[in-house]
Every structure is written in structure tokens, then in C-alpha cells.
Amino acid sequence: QVQLVESGGGLVQAGGSLRLSCAASGRTFPTMGWFRQAPGKEREFVASIIWSGMIYYSDSVKGRFTISRDNAKNTVYLQMNSLKPEDTAVYYCAAYSGIYYPPTAGNADYWGQGTQVTVSS
């Protein structure tokens, strides 16, 4: 049975940092990604990584967020620096059976439960 378990969310002041983790169990996935959803908005792409190392970022987080993965631990991370109030959202980990350049929410095979990130001004 596949499970994606996220951790690392919380409350932080603007300019601060948080690190999210997503541990996958049950199988490995060639593409892993992070999405976020703020109240009243659609789920939006944040970052993705393919097991070859190819990485994509949304323009809104480029230069501030870093995605990485530890294939031995089957875990993907999202290091978030210079956080802004507009980064406040529930962050979701997504896993894909295929390779996507980059992935979309619609073709995710599995989702994590979500973790709340709140950035205060």
C-alpha cells in the first residue's frame, strides 16, 4: 500500500525558513512534486524533481525554495527560505508513476495528507 507522509509545516515569521519532508512507502516514484493550496484558490505547482535530478520550480518560489530527494530513503524535501505571507497554504506532496516535465496536479497518482505552512507578516 502506497503512503506519502508529510512533515515539517508550521508557523514562521516572514523571512524565515521551513523544511518540509515527504516520505513515500510502498514503492518508488520517478517524479515527485510539491503543490500548495491557499484558501479559496486552486492547488498550484511549487516544485518537482525527477529521479535523474531534473528539477522544476514555479516562478513564484524560484531562488527561495529548493527541492531535493534522497532515493535511498524514498523521501523528497522542500527547503523554503525567505518565506513570505503569500506562501501561506497547505502544502501537498505528490507522486507520479511516470516522468513529467514538469508534472501537473491532474496527473498525480498519489497525494500526501497536506501540511499547513503559515507565514506571518
Protein backbone atom coordinates (compact mmCIF):
# COMPACT_ATOMS: atom_id res chain seq x y z
CA GLN A 1 0.00 0.00 0.00
CA VAL A 2 1.38 3.38 -1.01
CA GLN A 3 1.57 6.15 1.55
CA LEU A 4 3.02 9.64 1.37
CA VAL A 5 3.64 11.08 4.83
CA GLU A 6 4.47 14.76 5.07
CA SER A 7 6.01 16.65 7.95
CA GLY A 8 7.68 19.95 8.70
CA GLY A 9 4.95 22.55 8.35
CA GLY A 10 4.29 25.22 10.94
CA LEU A 11 4.11 28.90 11.74
CA VAL A 12 7.03 31.14 10.85
CA GLN A 13 7.65 34.87 10.52
CA ALA A 14 8.24 36.47 7.15
CA GLY A 15 11.83 35.98 6.10
CA GLY A 16 12.12 32.72 8.00
CA SER A 17 12.66 29.17 6.81
CA LEU A 18 10.96 25.80 6.99
CA ARG A 19 11.84 22.38 5.63
CA LEU A 20 9.12 20.02 4.51
CA SER A 21 9.64 16.29 4.15
CA CYS A 22 7.60 13.68 2.30
CA ALA A 23 8.38 10.03 2.93
CA ALA A 24 6.96 7.56 0.42
CA SER A 25 6.34 3.94 1.32
CA GLY A 26 5.24 1.02 -0.78
CA ARG A 27 7.18 1.82 -3.94
CA THR A 28 9.44 4.36 -5.57
CA PHE A 29 8.33 7.07 -7.96
CA PRO A 30 10.31 8.59 -10.83
CA THR A 31 8.69 12.02 -10.35
CA MET A 32 7.89 13.67 -7.04
CA GLY A 33 6.44 17.11 -6.58
CA TRP A 34 5.14 19.70 -4.16
CA PHE A 35 1.94 21.67 -4.62
CA ARG A 36 0.18 24.17 -2.40
CA GLN A 37 -3.34 25.38 -1.94
CA ALA A 38 -4.34 28.60 -0.22
CA PRO A 39 -7.92 29.19 0.98
CA GLY A 40 -10.22 29.95 -1.92
CA LYS A 41 -7.56 29.21 -4.52
CA GLU A 42 -6.74 26.31 -6.77
CA ARG A 43 -3.93 23.91 -6.00
CA GLU A 44 -0.78 25.21 -7.64
CA PHE A 45 2.51 23.70 -8.64
CA VAL A 46 5.52 24.59 -6.47
CA ALA A 47 8.39 22.31 -7.45
CA SER A 48 9.18 18.87 -8.81
CA ILE A 49 12.14 16.54 -9.12
CA ILE A 50 12.78 13.55 -11.35
CA TRP A 51 15.00 10.73 -10.12
CA SER A 52 17.57 11.75 -12.72
CA GLY A 53 17.88 15.02 -10.83
CA MET A 54 15.98 17.30 -13.23
CA ILE A 55 14.19 19.98 -11.25
CA TYR A 56 11.41 22.46 -11.95
CA TYR A 57 10.19 25.42 -9.88
CA SER A 58 7.31 27.79 -10.20
CA ASP A 59 8.37 31.36 -10.84
CA SER A 60 6.92 32.44 -7.50
CA VAL A 61 9.37 30.30 -5.49
CA LYS A 62 12.41 30.18 -7.76
CA GLY A 63 15.50 31.31 -5.89
CA ARG A 64 13.87 30.85 -2.47
CA PHE A 65 12.82 27.18 -2.37
CA THR A 66 14.95 24.13 -3.01
CA ILE A 67 13.60 20.66 -3.74
CA SER A 68 15.74 17.58 -3.22
CA ARG A 69 15.29 13.86 -2.86
CA ASP A 70 17.02 11.03 -1.08
CA ASN A 71 16.35 7.97 -3.21
CA ALA A 72 17.75 5.62 -0.57
CA LYS A 73 15.18 6.90 1.92
CA ASN A 74 12.46 7.36 -0.71
CA THR A 75 11.97 10.88 0.64
CA VAL A 76 11.62 14.26 -1.01
CA TYR A 77 12.32 17.56 0.74
CA LEU A 78 11.34 21.17 0.20
CA GLN A 79 13.62 23.72 1.82
CA MET A 80 11.77 27.02 1.97
CA ASN A 81 13.77 30.17 2.67
CA SER A 82 12.86 33.86 2.67
CA LEU A 83 9.26 32.95 3.28
CA LYS A 84 6.56 35.48 2.52
CA PRO A 85 2.99 35.80 3.80
CA GLU A 86 1.77 34.83 0.32
CA ASP A 87 3.47 31.45 0.75
CA THR A 88 0.84 30.61 3.37
CA ALA A 89 -1.01 27.49 2.21
CA VAL A 90 -1.46 23.79 2.76
CA TYR A 91 1.46 22.07 1.07
CA TYR A 92 0.92 18.70 -0.57
CA CYS A 93 3.39 16.12 -1.73
CA ALA A 94 2.55 14.32 -4.98
CA ALA A 95 3.96 11.16 -6.52
CA TYR A 96 3.93 10.11 -10.16
CA SER A 97 4.46 6.76 -11.84
CA GLY A 98 5.76 8.48 -14.96
CA ILE A 99 8.23 11.20 -15.83
CA TYR A 100 6.85 14.69 -16.30
CA TYR A 101 8.48 17.89 -17.40
CA PRO A 102 7.02 19.26 -15.10
CA PRO A 103 4.06 17.40 -13.59
CA THR A 104 0.54 18.76 -13.09
CA ALA A 105 -1.90 18.20 -10.25
CA GLY A 106 -4.20 16.33 -12.61
CA ASN A 107 -1.78 13.51 -13.40
CA ALA A 108 -0.62 12.77 -9.85
CA ASP A 109 -1.02 9.15 -8.83
CA TYR A 110 -0.80 9.73 -5.08
CA TRP A 111 -1.10 12.65 -2.66
CA GLY A 112 0.08 13.24 0.84
CA GLN A 113 -2.30 14.42 3.54
CA GLY A 114 -1.03 18.01 3.39
CA THR A 115 0.85 20.12 5.89
CA GLN A 116 -0.03 23.68 6.87
CA VAL A 117 2.52 26.43 6.35
CA THR A 118 1.63 29.81 7.80
CA VAL A 119 3.87 32.84 7.32
CA SER A 120 3.10 35.85 9.49
CA SER A 121 3.98 39.39 8.46
